[in-house]
Amino acid sequence: MDFLRRTVVFDAVDVETEARFWAAVFDGAALGNDEWQKVRAPDGTTPVGVQYSSDHRSSHGWPEEPVRTHLDLWVADIRTAHRQIIAIGAEVIQLASGEQNWNVYLSPAGHPFCLVWDPQQ
């Protein structure tokens, strides 16, 4: 298939807050309205979008309840990335332990994602 764009779309009750969060994650801009916003990254891609869903519920039971979908965002420096992601509104739900090389977070609308790093860091 010849895709023109690949975008992961998140549901949210508060589209603006969720879109601003992801725009900050990707160092981009949130463009759209209160029903739909896309995040445009500096390289011109649109890695994520946010669409309004009146019945979206942030219900996670991590780690007891499995998550169906999440993003893995690989970072060069986990210490810096962790501080930055918390500063823009992410919630930590699991820090790495033992040999794990990922932390699990929630976006403002409750979507889980991981910051992952090279274990040699």
PDB file of N, CA and C in Angstrom:
ATOM      1  N   MET A   1       0.835  -1.182   0.000  1.00  0.00           N
ATOM      2  CA  MET A   1       0.000   0.000   0.000  1.00  0.00           C
ATOM      3  C   MET A   1       0.872   1.235   0.000  1.00  0.00           C
ATOM      4  N   ASP A   2       0.391   2.240  -0.632  1.00  0.00           N
ATOM      5  CA  ASP A   2       1.108   3.506  -0.701  1.00  0.00           C
ATOM      6  C   ASP A   2       0.424   4.501   0.238  1.00  0.00           C
ATOM      7  N   PHE A   3       0.840   4.518   1.499  1.00  0.00           N
ATOM      8  CA  PHE A   3       0.224   5.393   2.488  1.00  0.00           C
ATOM      9  C   PHE A   3       0.706   6.823   2.295  1.00  0.00           C
ATOM     10  N   LEU A   4      -0.195   7.759   2.431  1.00  0.00           N
ATOM     11  CA  LEU A   4       0.171   9.167   2.367  1.00  0.00           C
ATOM     12  C   LEU A   4       0.595   9.695   3.729  1.00  0.00           C
ATOM     13  N   ARG A   5       0.072   9.076   4.789  1.00  0.00           N
ATOM     14  CA  ARG A   5       0.375   9.520   6.143  1.00  0.00           C
ATOM     15  C   ARG A   5       0.047   8.386   7.091  1.00  0.00           C
ATOM     16  N   ARG A   6       0.762   8.311   8.207  1.00  0.00           N
ATOM     17  CA  ARG A   6       0.464   7.353   9.272  1.00  0.00           C
ATOM     18  C   ARG A   6       0.326   8.151  10.559  1.00  0.00           C
ATOM     19  N   THR A   7      -0.851   8.077  11.158  1.00  0.00           N
ATOM     20  CA  THR A   7      -1.138   8.840  12.360  1.00  0.00           C
ATOM     21  C   THR A   7      -1.879   7.962  13.357  1.00  0.00           C
ATOM     22  N   VAL A   8      -1.426   7.937  14.588  1.00  0.00           N
ATOM     23  CA  VAL A   8      -2.143   7.283  15.673  1.00  0.00           C
ATOM     24  C   VAL A   8      -3.111   8.323  16.233  1.00  0.00           C
ATOM     25  N   VAL A   9      -4.360   7.934  16.414  1.00  0.00           N
ATOM     26  CA  VAL A   9      -5.376   8.875  16.890  1.00  0.00           C
ATOM     27  C   VAL A   9      -5.848   8.456  18.277  1.00  0.00           C
ATOM     28  N   PHE A  10      -5.856   9.434  19.182  1.00  0.00           N
ATOM     29  CA  PHE A  10      -6.317   9.224  20.552  1.00  0.00           C
ATOM     30  C   PHE A  10      -7.678   9.871  20.737  1.00  0.00           C
ATOM     31  N   ASP A  11      -8.561   9.200  21.453  1.00  0.00           N
ATOM     32  CA  ASP A  11      -9.833   9.794  21.846  1.00  0.00           C
ATOM     33  C   ASP A  11      -9.620  10.605  23.113  1.00  0.00           C
ATOM     34  N   ALA A  12     -10.410  11.669  23.256  1.00  0.00           N
ATOM     35  CA  ALA A  12     -10.325  12.492  24.462  1.00  0.00           C
ATOM     36  C   ALA A  12     -11.594  13.322  24.601  1.00  0.00           C
ATOM     37  N   VAL A  13     -11.962  13.613  25.817  1.00  0.00           N
ATOM     38  CA  VAL A  13     -13.053  14.541  26.078  1.00  0.00           C
ATOM     39  C   VAL A  13     -12.531  15.962  25.898  1.00  0.00           C
ATOM     40  N   ASP A  14     -11.324  16.219  26.375  1.00  0.00           N
ATOM     41  CA  ASP A  14     -10.685  17.532  26.248  1.00  0.00           C
ATOM     42  C   ASP A  14      -9.622  17.451  25.157  1.00  0.00           C
ATOM     43  N   VAL A  15     -10.030  17.701  23.937  1.00  0.00           N
ATOM     44  CA  VAL A  15      -9.146  17.577  22.772  1.00  0.00           C
ATOM     45  C   VAL A  15      -7.959  18.527  22.879  1.00  0.00           C
ATOM     46  N   GLU A  16      -8.210  19.759  23.276  1.00  0.00           N
ATOM     47  CA  GLU A  16      -7.138  20.756  23.314  1.00  0.00           C
ATOM     48  C   GLU A  16      -6.028  20.366  24.288  1.00  0.00           C
ATOM     49  N   THR A  17      -6.374  19.943  25.488  1.00  0.00           N
ATOM     50  CA  THR A  17      -5.362  19.564  26.478  1.00  0.00           C
ATOM     51  C   THR A  17      -4.547  18.369  25.992  1.00  0.00           C
ATOM     52  N   GLU A  18      -5.228  17.353  25.469  1.00  0.00           N
ATOM     53  CA  GLU A  18      -4.530  16.157  24.996  1.00  0.00           C
ATOM     54  C   GLU A  18      -3.630  16.482  23.804  1.00  0.00           C
ATOM     55  N   ALA A  19      -4.129  17.294  22.873  1.00  0.00           N
ATOM     56  CA  ALA A  19      -3.337  17.666  21.693  1.00  0.00           C
ATOM     57  C   ALA A  19      -2.124  18.509  22.091  1.00  0.00           C
ATOM     58  N   ARG A  20      -2.302  19.434  23.029  1.00  0.00           N
ATOM     59  CA  ARG A  20      -1.154  20.230  23.499  1.00  0.00           C
ATOM     60  C   ARG A  20      -0.098  19.348  24.143  1.00  0.00           C
ATOM     61  N   PHE A  21      -0.525  18.348  24.899  1.00  0.00           N
ATOM     62  CA  PHE A  21       0.419  17.425  25.521  1.00  0.00           C
ATOM     63  C   PHE A  21       1.252  16.720  24.455  1.00  0.00           C
ATOM     64  N   TRP A  22       0.586  16.109  23.467  1.00  0.00           N
ATOM     65  CA  TRP A  22       1.318  15.372  22.438  1.00  0.00           C
ATOM     66  C   TRP A  22       2.151  16.302  21.565  1.00  0.00           C
ATOM     67  N   ALA A  23       1.695  17.528  21.347  1.00  0.00           N
ATOM     68  CA  ALA A  23       2.511  18.499  20.605  1.00  0.00           C
ATOM     69  C   ALA A  23       3.806  18.776  21.358  1.00  0.00           C
ATOM     70  N   ALA A  24       3.715  18.882  22.677  1.00  0.00           N
ATOM     71  CA  ALA A  24       4.921  19.091  23.480  1.00  0.00           C
ATOM     72  C   ALA A  24       5.823  17.862  23.435  1.00  0.00           C
ATOM     73  N   VAL A  25       5.242  16.664  23.461  1.00  0.00           N
ATOM     74  CA  VAL A  25       6.035  15.428  23.382  1.00  0.00           C
ATOM     75  C   VAL A  25       6.847  15.403  22.095  1.00  0.00           C
ATOM     76  N   PHE A  26       6.197  15.745  20.981  1.00  0.00           N
ATOM     77  CA  PHE A  26       6.846  15.659  19.675  1.00  0.00           C
ATOM     78  C   PHE A  26       7.466  16.982  19.228  1.00  0.00           C
ATOM     79  N   ASP A  27       7.536  17.969  20.149  1.00  0.00           N
ATOM     80  CA  ASP A  27       8.133  19.275  19.853  1.00  0.00           C
ATOM     81  C   ASP A  27       7.492  19.891  18.608  1.00  0.00           C
ATOM     82  N   GLY A  28       6.171  19.770  18.537  1.00  0.00           N
ATOM     83  CA  GLY A  28       5.451  20.234  17.360  1.00  0.00           C
ATOM     84  C   GLY A  28       4.357  21.216  17.710  1.00  0.00           C
ATOM     85  N   ALA A  29       3.335  21.250  16.870  1.00  0.00           N
ATOM     86  CA  ALA A  29       2.214  22.163  17.048  1.00  0.00           C
ATOM     87  C   ALA A  29       0.914  21.392  16.905  1.00  0.00           C
ATOM     88  N   ALA A  30      -0.058  21.760  17.719  1.00  0.00           N
ATOM     89  CA  ALA A  30      -1.396  21.176  17.631  1.00  0.00           C
ATOM     90  C   ALA A  30      -2.241  22.080  16.746  1.00  0.00           C
ATOM     91  N   LEU A  31      -2.851  21.491  15.722  1.00  0.00           N
ATOM     92  CA  LEU A  31      -3.632  22.251  14.752  1.00  0.00           C
ATOM     93  C   LEU A  31      -5.016  21.649  14.616  1.00  0.00           C
ATOM     94  N   GLY A  32      -6.033  22.465  14.694  1.00  0.00           N
ATOM     95  CA  GLY A  32      -7.389  21.972  14.513  1.00  0.00           C
ATOM     96  C   GLY A  32      -8.383  22.730  15.351  1.00  0.00           C
ATOM     97  N   ASN A  33      -9.394  22.009  15.818  1.00  0.00           N
ATOM     98  CA  ASN A  33     -10.462  22.640  16.589  1.00  0.00           C
ATOM     99  C   ASN A  33     -10.815  21.758  17.786  1.00  0.00           C
ATOM    100  N   ASP A  34     -11.966  22.038  18.407  1.00  0.00           N
ATOM    101  CA  ASP A  34     -12.309  21.276  19.616  1.00  0.00           C
ATOM    102  C   ASP A  34     -12.874  19.889  19.317  1.00  0.00           C
ATOM    103  N   GLU A  35     -13.023  19.530  18.058  1.00  0.00           N
ATOM    104  CA  GLU A  35     -13.472  18.192  17.666  1.00  0.00           C
ATOM    105  C   GLU A  35     -12.317  17.305  17.198  1.00  0.00           C
ATOM    106  N   TRP A  36     -11.297  17.904  16.595  1.00  0.00           N
ATOM    107  CA  TRP A  36     -10.195  17.156  15.990  1.00  0.00           C
ATOM    108  C   TRP A  36      -8.944  18.042  15.927  1.00  0.00           C
ATOM    109  N   GLN A  37      -7.825  17.519  16.378  1.00  0.00           N
ATOM    110  CA  GLN A  37      -6.555  18.221  16.226  1.00  0.00           C
ATOM    111  C   GLN A  37      -5.498  17.214  15.811  1.00  0.00           C
ATOM    112  N   LYS A  38      -4.611  17.665  14.950  1.00  0.00           N
ATOM    113  CA  LYS A  38      -3.462  16.842  14.583  1.00  0.00           C
ATOM    114  C   LYS A  38      -2.225  17.509  15.147  1.00  0.00           C
ATOM    115  N   VAL A  39      -1.229  16.704  15.411  1.00  0.00           N
ATOM    116  CA  VAL A  39       0.055  17.225  15.882  1.00  0.00           C
ATOM    117  C   VAL A  39       1.018  17.185  14.707  1.00  0.00           C
ATOM    118  N   ARG A  40       1.509  18.340  14.337  1.00  0.00           N
ATOM    119  CA  ARG A  40       2.489  18.432  13.261  1.00  0.00           C
ATOM    120  C   ARG A  40       3.868  18.560  13.906  1.00  0.00           C
ATOM    121  N   ALA A  41       4.723  17.583  13.630  1.00  0.00           N
ATOM    122  CA  ALA A  41       6.096  17.569  14.155  1.00  0.00           C
ATOM    123  C   ALA A  41       6.974  18.490  13.303  1.00  0.00           C
ATOM    124  N   PRO A  42       8.146  18.872  13.807  1.00  0.00           N
ATOM    125  CA  PRO A  42       9.038  19.751  13.054  1.00  0.00           C
ATOM    126  C   PRO A  42       9.435  19.206  11.678  1.00  0.00           C
ATOM    127  N   ASP A  43       9.445  17.877  11.518  1.00  0.00           N
ATOM    128  CA  ASP A  43       9.819  17.299  10.223  1.00  0.00           C
ATOM    129  C   ASP A  43       8.638  17.230   9.250  1.00  0.00           C
ATOM    130  N   GLY A  44       7.483  17.779   9.650  1.00  0.00           N
ATOM    131  CA  GLY A  44       6.322  17.809   8.781  1.00  0.00           C
ATOM    132  C   GLY A  44       5.388  16.625   8.919  1.00  0.00           C
ATOM    133  N   THR A  45       5.776  15.609   9.675  1.00  0.00           N
ATOM    134  CA  THR A  45       4.913  14.444   9.867  1.00  0.00           C
ATOM    135  C   THR A  45       3.820  14.762  10.887  1.00  0.00           C
ATOM    136  N   THR A  46       2.811  13.924  10.913  1.00  0.00           N
ATOM    137  CA  THR A  46       1.741  14.049  11.903  1.00  0.00           C
ATOM    138  C   THR A  46       1.679  12.744  12.689  1.00  0.00           C
ATOM    139  N   PRO A  47       2.525  12.608  13.724  1.00  0.00           N
ATOM    140  CA  PRO A  47       2.603  11.338  14.445  1.00  0.00           C
ATOM    141  C   PRO A  47       1.339  10.974  15.197  1.00  0.00           C
ATOM    142  N   VAL A  48       0.600  11.969  15.693  1.00  0.00           N
ATOM    143  CA  VAL A  48      -0.627  11.675  16.425  1.00  0.00           C
ATOM    144  C   VAL A  48      -1.696  12.715  16.114  1.00  0.00           C
ATOM    145  N   GLY A  49      -2.932  12.285  16.339  1.00  0.00           N
ATOM    146  CA  GLY A  49      -4.083  13.164  16.274  1.00  0.00           C
ATOM    147  C   GLY A  49      -4.923  12.918  17.499  1.00  0.00           C
ATOM    148  N   VAL A  50      -5.821  13.836  17.781  1.00  0.00           N
ATOM    149  CA  VAL A  50      -6.725  13.694  18.914  1.00  0.00           C
ATOM    150  C   VAL A  50      -8.130  14.021  18.424  1.00  0.00           C
ATOM    151  N   GLN A  51      -9.060  13.113  18.681  1.00  0.00           N
ATOM    152  CA  GLN A  51     -10.440  13.368  18.277  1.00  0.00           C
ATOM    153  C   GLN A  51     -11.351  13.371  19.494  1.00  0.00           C
ATOM    154  N   TYR A  52     -12.387  14.186  19.419  1.00  0.00           N
ATOM    155  CA  TYR A  52     -13.340  14.296  20.511  1.00  0.00           C
ATOM    156  C   TYR A  52     -14.159  13.023  20.637  1.00  0.00           C
ATOM    157  N   SER A  53     -14.301  12.564  21.860  1.00  0.00           N
ATOM    158  CA  SER A  53     -15.151  11.425  22.166  1.00  0.00           C
ATOM    159  C   SER A  53     -15.813  11.707  23.509  1.00  0.00           C
ATOM    160  N   SER A  54     -17.103  11.965  23.489  1.00  0.00           N
ATOM    161  CA  SER A  54     -17.812  12.321  24.728  1.00  0.00           C
ATOM    162  C   SER A  54     -17.820  11.189  25.743  1.00  0.00           C
ATOM    163  N   ASP A  55     -17.650   9.956  25.271  1.00  0.00           N
ATOM    164  CA  ASP A  55     -17.694   8.835  26.210  1.00  0.00           C
ATOM    165  C   ASP A  55     -16.323   8.240  26.514  1.00  0.00           C
ATOM    166  N   HIS A  56     -15.248   8.972  26.158  1.00  0.00           N
ATOM    167  CA  HIS A  56     -13.910   8.471  26.489  1.00  0.00           C
ATOM    168  C   HIS A  56     -13.736   8.452  28.000  1.00  0.00           C
ATOM    169  N   ARG A  57     -13.240   7.360  28.496  1.00  0.00           N
ATOM    170  CA  ARG A  57     -12.973   7.212  29.931  1.00  0.00           C
ATOM    171  C   ARG A  57     -11.529   6.804  30.126  1.00  0.00           C
ATOM    172  N   SER A  58     -10.888   7.465  31.038  1.00  0.00           N
ATOM    173  CA  SER A  58      -9.520   7.106  31.389  1.00  0.00           C
ATOM    174  C   SER A  58      -9.597   6.007  32.441  1.00  0.00           C
ATOM    175  N   SER A  59      -9.651   4.785  31.997  1.00  0.00           N
ATOM    176  CA  SER A  59      -9.727   3.682  32.948  1.00  0.00           C
ATOM    177  C   SER A  59      -8.609   2.700  32.643  1.00  0.00           C
ATOM    178  N   HIS A  60      -7.581   2.795  33.398  1.00  0.00           N
ATOM    179  CA  HIS A  60      -6.481   1.857  33.248  1.00  0.00           C
ATOM    180  C   HIS A  60      -6.339   1.083  34.551  1.00  0.00           C
ATOM    181  N   GLY A  61      -5.964  -0.116  34.428  1.00  0.00           N
ATOM    182  CA  GLY A  61      -5.732  -0.925  35.612  1.00  0.00           C
ATOM    183  C   GLY A  61      -4.329  -1.498  35.581  1.00  0.00           C
ATOM    184  N   TRP A  62      -3.424  -0.734  34.977  1.00  0.00           N
ATOM    185  CA  TRP A  62      -2.049  -1.172  34.821  1.00  0.00           C
ATOM    186  C   TRP A  62      -1.447  -1.457  36.173  1.00  0.00           C
ATOM    187  N   PRO A  63      -0.738  -2.478  36.393  1.00  0.00           N
ATOM    188  CA  PRO A  63      -0.386  -3.530  35.448  1.00  0.00           C
ATOM    189  C   PRO A  63      -1.323  -4.743  35.500  1.00  0.00           C
ATOM    190  N   GLU A  64      -2.330  -4.713  36.401  1.00  0.00           N
ATOM    191  CA  GLU A  64      -3.209  -5.874  36.534  1.00  0.00           C
ATOM    192  C   GLU A  64      -4.039  -6.124  35.271  1.00  0.00           C
ATOM    193  N   GLU A  65      -4.535  -5.045  34.663  1.00  0.00           N
ATOM    194  CA  GLU A  65      -5.324  -5.173  33.447  1.00  0.00           C
ATOM    195  C   GLU A  65      -4.457  -4.809  32.249  1.00  0.00           C
ATOM    196  N   PRO A  66      -4.403  -5.675  31.245  1.00  0.00           N
ATOM    197  CA  PRO A  66      -3.543  -5.377  30.102  1.00  0.00           C
ATOM    198  C   PRO A  66      -4.069  -4.195  29.285  1.00  0.00           C
ATOM    199  N   VAL A  67      -3.158  -3.505  28.661  1.00  0.00           N
ATOM    200  CA  VAL A  67      -3.486  -2.392  27.779  1.00  0.00           C
ATOM    201  C   VAL A  67      -3.507  -2.938  26.360  1.00  0.00           C
ATOM    202  N   ARG A  68      -4.470  -2.537  25.576  1.00  0.00           N
ATOM    203  CA  ARG A  68      -4.580  -3.068  24.220  1.00  0.00           C
ATOM    204  C   ARG A  68      -3.588  -2.414  23.263  1.00  0.00           C
ATOM    205  N   THR A  69      -3.361  -1.129  23.412  1.00  0.00           N
ATOM    206  CA  THR A  69      -2.461  -0.407  22.517  1.00  0.00           C
ATOM    207  C   THR A  69      -1.750   0.676  23.300  1.00  0.00           C
ATOM    208  N   HIS A  70      -0.482   0.873  22.993  1.00  0.00           N
ATOM    209  CA  HIS A  70       0.255   1.984  23.589  1.00  0.00           C
ATOM    210  C   HIS A  70       1.412   2.340  22.669  1.00  0.00           C
ATOM    211  N   LEU A  71       2.001   3.505  22.876  1.00  0.00           N
ATOM    212  CA  LEU A  71       3.164   3.935  22.116  1.00  0.00           C
ATOM    213  C   LEU A  71       4.430   3.622  22.893  1.00  0.00           C
ATOM    214  N   ASP A  72       5.459   3.183  22.184  1.00  0.00           N
ATOM    215  CA  ASP A  72       6.812   3.103  22.738  1.00  0.00           C
ATOM    216  C   ASP A  72       7.594   4.234  22.096  1.00  0.00           C
ATOM    217  N   LEU A  73       8.080   5.142  22.909  1.00  0.00           N
ATOM    218  CA  LEU A  73       8.865   6.270  22.429  1.00  0.00           C
ATOM    219  C   LEU A  73      10.303   6.084  22.909  1.00  0.00           C
ATOM    220  N   TRP A  74      11.201   5.791  21.980  1.00  0.00           N
ATOM    221  CA  TRP A  74      12.602   5.539  22.316  1.00  0.00           C
ATOM    222  C   TRP A  74      13.318   6.868  22.499  1.00  0.00           C
ATOM    223  N   VAL A  75      14.049   6.989  23.603  1.00  0.00           N
ATOM    224  CA  VAL A  75      14.734   8.246  23.928  1.00  0.00           C
ATOM    225  C   VAL A  75      16.233   8.001  24.094  1.00  0.00           C
ATOM    226  N   ALA A  76      17.002   9.038  23.817  1.00  0.00           N
ATOM    227  CA  ALA A  76      18.453   8.949  23.949  1.00  0.00           C
ATOM    228  C   ALA A  76      18.894   9.079  25.405  1.00  0.00           C
ATOM    229  N   ASP A  77      18.170   9.876  26.188  1.00  0.00           N
ATOM    230  CA  ASP A  77      18.554  10.143  27.580  1.00  0.00           C
ATOM    231  C   ASP A  77      17.301  10.045  28.454  1.00  0.00           C
ATOM    232  N   ILE A  78      17.131   8.934  29.149  1.00  0.00           N
ATOM    233  CA  ILE A  78      15.916   8.712  29.927  1.00  0.00           C
ATOM    234  C   ILE A  78      15.778   9.708  31.070  1.00  0.00           C
ATOM    235  N   ARG A  79      16.853  10.095  31.697  1.00  0.00           N
ATOM    236  CA  ARG A  79      16.732  11.035  32.826  1.00  0.00           C
ATOM    237  C   ARG A  79      16.147  12.366  32.369  1.00  0.00           C
ATOM    238  N   THR A  80      16.667  12.888  31.262  1.00  0.00           N
ATOM    239  CA  THR A  80      16.158  14.150  30.731  1.00  0.00           C
ATOM    240  C   THR A  80      14.738  13.976  30.215  1.00  0.00           C
ATOM    241  N   ALA A  81      14.486  12.916  29.461  1.00  0.00           N
ATOM    242  CA  ALA A  81      13.158  12.680  28.902  1.00  0.00           C
ATOM    243  C   ALA A  81      12.115  12.507  30.011  1.00  0.00           C
ATOM    244  N   HIS A  82      12.472  11.806  31.074  1.00  0.00           N
ATOM    245  CA  HIS A  82      11.549  11.604  32.195  1.00  0.00           C
ATOM    246  C   HIS A  82      11.168  12.953  32.813  1.00  0.00           C
ATOM    247  N   ARG A  83      12.147  13.786  33.073  1.00  0.00           N
ATOM    248  CA  ARG A  83      11.861  15.109  33.649  1.00  0.00           C
ATOM    249  C   ARG A  83      10.972  15.926  32.717  1.00  0.00           C
ATOM    250  N   GLN A  84      11.260  15.885  31.427  1.00  0.00           N
ATOM    251  CA  GLN A  84      10.493  16.667  30.464  1.00  0.00           C
ATOM    252  C   GLN A  84       9.058  16.167  30.349  1.00  0.00           C
ATOM    253  N   ILE A  85       8.872  14.857  30.326  1.00  0.00           N
ATOM    254  CA  ILE A  85       7.535  14.305  30.142  1.00  0.00           C
ATOM    255  C   ILE A  85       6.657  14.595  31.354  1.00  0.00           C
ATOM    256  N   ILE A  86       7.235  14.577  32.542  1.00  0.00           N
ATOM    257  CA  ILE A  86       6.499  14.920  33.765  1.00  0.00           C
ATOM    258  C   ILE A  86       6.141  16.403  33.751  1.00  0.00           C
ATOM    259  N   ALA A  87       7.069  17.234  33.312  1.00  0.00           N
ATOM    260  CA  ALA A  87       6.847  18.687  33.284  1.00  0.00           C
ATOM    261  C   ALA A  87       5.703  19.086  32.361  1.00  0.00           C
ATOM    262  N   ILE A  88       5.454  18.298  31.317  1.00  0.00           N
ATOM    263  CA  ILE A  88       4.375  18.664  30.395  1.00  0.00           C
ATOM    264  C   ILE A  88       3.052  17.962  30.725  1.00  0.00           C
ATOM    265  N   GLY A  89       3.014  17.209  31.821  1.00  0.00           N
ATOM    266  CA  GLY A  89       1.739  16.695  32.289  1.00  0.00           C
ATOM    267  C   GLY A  89       1.531  15.195  32.294  1.00  0.00           C
ATOM    268  N   ALA A  90       2.558  14.411  32.011  1.00  0.00           N
ATOM    269  CA  ALA A  90       2.402  12.958  32.065  1.00  0.00           C
ATOM    270  C   ALA A  90       2.371  12.487  33.514  1.00  0.00           C
ATOM    271  N   GLU A  91       1.700  11.379  33.726  1.00  0.00           N
ATOM    272  CA  GLU A  91       1.658  10.738  35.038  1.00  0.00           C
ATOM    273  C   GLU A  91       2.430   9.432  34.957  1.00  0.00           C
ATOM    274  N   VAL A  92       3.313   9.199  35.916  1.00  0.00           N
ATOM    275  CA  VAL A  92       4.053   7.936  35.968  1.00  0.00           C
ATOM    276  C   VAL A  92       3.135   6.865  36.533  1.00  0.00           C
ATOM    277  N   ILE A  93       3.069   5.721  35.836  1.00  0.00           N
ATOM    278  CA  ILE A  93       2.307   4.614  36.430  1.00  0.00           C
ATOM    279  C   ILE A  93       3.188   3.399  36.696  1.00  0.00           C
ATOM    280  N   GLN A  94       4.387   3.358  36.120  1.00  0.00           N
ATOM    281  CA  GLN A  94       5.316   2.281  36.457  1.00  0.00           C
ATOM    282  C   GLN A  94       6.727   2.690  36.056  1.00  0.00           C
ATOM    283  N   LEU A  95       7.620   2.685  37.024  1.00  0.00           N
ATOM    284  CA  LEU A  95       9.032   2.918  36.737  1.00  0.00           C
ATOM    285  C   LEU A  95       9.717   1.579  36.503  1.00  0.00           C
ATOM    286  N   ALA A  96      10.732   1.599  35.690  1.00  0.00           N
ATOM    287  CA  ALA A  96      11.483   0.383  35.381  1.00  0.00           C
ATOM    288  C   ALA A  96      12.054  -0.217  36.653  1.00  0.00           C
ATOM    289  N   SER A  97      12.115  -1.536  36.651  1.00  0.00           N
ATOM    290  CA  SER A  97      12.770  -2.228  37.762  1.00  0.00           C
ATOM    291  C   SER A  97      13.563  -3.389  37.188  1.00  0.00           C
ATOM    292  N   GLY A  98      14.577  -3.778  37.908  1.00  0.00           N
ATOM    293  CA  GLY A  98      15.405  -4.886  37.448  1.00  0.00           C
ATOM    294  C   GLY A  98      16.045  -4.581  36.102  1.00  0.00           C
ATOM    295  N   GLU A  99      15.871  -5.474  35.178  1.00  0.00           N
ATOM    296  CA  GLU A  99      16.475  -5.338  33.843  1.00  0.00           C
ATOM    297  C   GLU A  99      15.595  -4.578  32.848  1.00  0.00           C
ATOM    298  N   GLN A 100      14.444  -4.100  33.284  1.00  0.00           N
ATOM    299  CA  GLN A 100      13.556  -3.372  32.370  1.00  0.00           C
ATOM    300  C   GLN A 100      14.226  -2.098  31.868  1.00  0.00           C
ATOM    301  N   ASN A 101      13.945  -1.746  30.641  1.00  0.00           N
ATOM    302  CA  ASN A 101      14.473  -0.500  30.080  1.00  0.00           C
ATOM    303  C   ASN A 101      13.322   0.363  29.561  1.00  0.00           C
ATOM    304  N   TRP A 102      12.252   0.447  30.347  1.00  0.00           N
ATOM    305  CA  TRP A 102      11.126   1.308  29.998  1.00  0.00           C
ATOM    306  C   TRP A 102      10.378   1.732  31.250  1.00  0.00           C
ATOM    307  N   ASN A 103       9.837   2.940  31.179  1.00  0.00           N
ATOM    308  CA  ASN A 103       8.918   3.463  32.176  1.00  0.00           C
ATOM    309  C   ASN A 103       7.565   3.611  31.490  1.00  0.00           C
ATOM    310  N   VAL A 104       6.493   3.465  32.255  1.00  0.00           N
ATOM    311  CA  VAL A 104       5.147   3.592  31.710  1.00  0.00           C
ATOM    312  C   VAL A 104       4.497   4.853  32.281  1.00  0.00           C
ATOM    313  N   TYR A 105       3.838   5.615  31.398  1.00  0.00           N
ATOM    314  CA  TYR A 105       3.218   6.887  31.747  1.00  0.00           C
ATOM    315  C   TYR A 105       1.797   6.929  31.203  1.00  0.00           C
ATOM    316  N   LEU A 106       1.034   7.921  31.672  1.00  0.00           N
ATOM    317  CA  LEU A 106      -0.281   8.217  31.118  1.00  0.00           C
ATOM    318  C   LEU A 106      -0.282   9.650  30.609  1.00  0.00           C
ATOM    319  N   SER A 107      -0.937   9.862  29.474  1.00  0.00           N
ATOM    320  CA  SER A 107      -1.173  11.212  28.970  1.00  0.00           C
ATOM    321  C   SER A 107      -2.291  11.842  29.797  1.00  0.00           C
ATOM    322  N   PRO A 108      -2.559  13.139  29.630  1.00  0.00           N
ATOM    323  CA  PRO A 108      -3.641  13.766  30.399  1.00  0.00           C
ATOM    324  C   PRO A 108      -5.002  13.079  30.217  1.00  0.00           C
ATOM    325  N   ALA A 109      -5.276  12.512  29.041  1.00  0.00           N
ATOM    326  CA  ALA A 109      -6.551  11.819  28.820  1.00  0.00           C
ATOM    327  C   ALA A 109      -6.496  10.359  29.249  1.00  0.00           C
ATOM    328  N   GLY A 110      -5.361   9.922  29.788  1.00  0.00           N
ATOM    329  CA  GLY A 110      -5.258   8.559  30.309  1.00  0.00           C
ATOM    330  C   GLY A 110      -4.766   7.520  29.331  1.00  0.00           C
ATOM    331  N   HIS A 111      -4.111   7.952  28.246  1.00  0.00           N
ATOM    332  CA  HIS A 111      -3.565   6.994  27.288  1.00  0.00           C
ATOM    333  C   HIS A 111      -2.163   6.578  27.719  1.00  0.00           C
ATOM    334  N   PRO A 112      -1.919   5.275  27.863  1.00  0.00           N
ATOM    335  CA  PRO A 112      -0.603   4.816  28.303  1.00  0.00           C
ATOM    336  C   PRO A 112       0.421   4.886  27.175  1.00  0.00           C
ATOM    337  N   PHE A 113       1.664   5.156  27.567  1.00  0.00           N
ATOM    338  CA  PHE A 113       2.800   5.127  26.641  1.00  0.00           C
ATOM    339  C   PHE A 113       4.048   4.848  27.441  1.00  0.00           C
ATOM    340  N   CYS A 114       5.092   4.397  26.755  1.00  0.00           N
ATOM    341  CA  CYS A 114       6.357   4.086  27.414  1.00  0.00           C
ATOM    342  C   CYS A 114       7.469   4.953  26.881  1.00  0.00           C
ATOM    343  N   LEU A 115       8.354   5.361  27.747  1.00  0.00           N
ATOM    344  CA  LEU A 115       9.651   5.883  27.337  1.00  0.00           C
ATOM    345  C   LEU A 115      10.610   4.715  27.471  1.00  0.00           C
ATOM    346  N   VAL A 116      11.289   4.408  26.384  1.00  0.00           N
ATOM    347  CA  VAL A 116      12.180   3.247  26.315  1.00  0.00           C
ATOM    348  C   VAL A 116      13.580   3.755  25.981  1.00  0.00           C
ATOM    349  N   TRP A 117      14.588   3.116  26.552  1.00  0.00           N
ATOM    350  CA  TRP A 117      15.954   3.546  26.303  1.00  0.00           C
ATOM    351  C   TRP A 117      16.847   2.329  26.070  1.00  0.00           C
ATOM    352  N   ASP A 118      17.992   2.591  25.482  1.00  0.00           N
ATOM    353  CA  ASP A 118      18.983   1.552  25.253  1.00  0.00           C
ATOM    354  C   ASP A 118      19.505   1.099  26.616  1.00  0.00           C
ATOM    355  N   PRO A 119      19.461  -0.188  26.889  1.00  0.00           N
ATOM    356  CA  PRO A 119      19.914  -0.663  28.205  1.00  0.00           C
ATOM    357  C   PRO A 119      21.379  -0.356  28.491  1.00  0.00           C
ATOM    358  N   GLN A 120      22.140   0.001  27.488  1.00  0.00           N
ATOM    359  CA  GLN A 120      23.560   0.343  27.692  1.00  0.00           C
ATOM    360  C   GLN A 120      23.736   1.755  28.209  1.00  0.00           C
ATOM    361  N   GLN A 121      22.676   2.521  28.306  1.00  0.00           N
ATOM    362  CA  GLN A 121      22.751   3.914  28.774  1.00  0.00           C
ATOM    363  C   GLN A 121      23.260   3.979  30.191  1.00  0.00           C
TER     364      GLN A 121
END
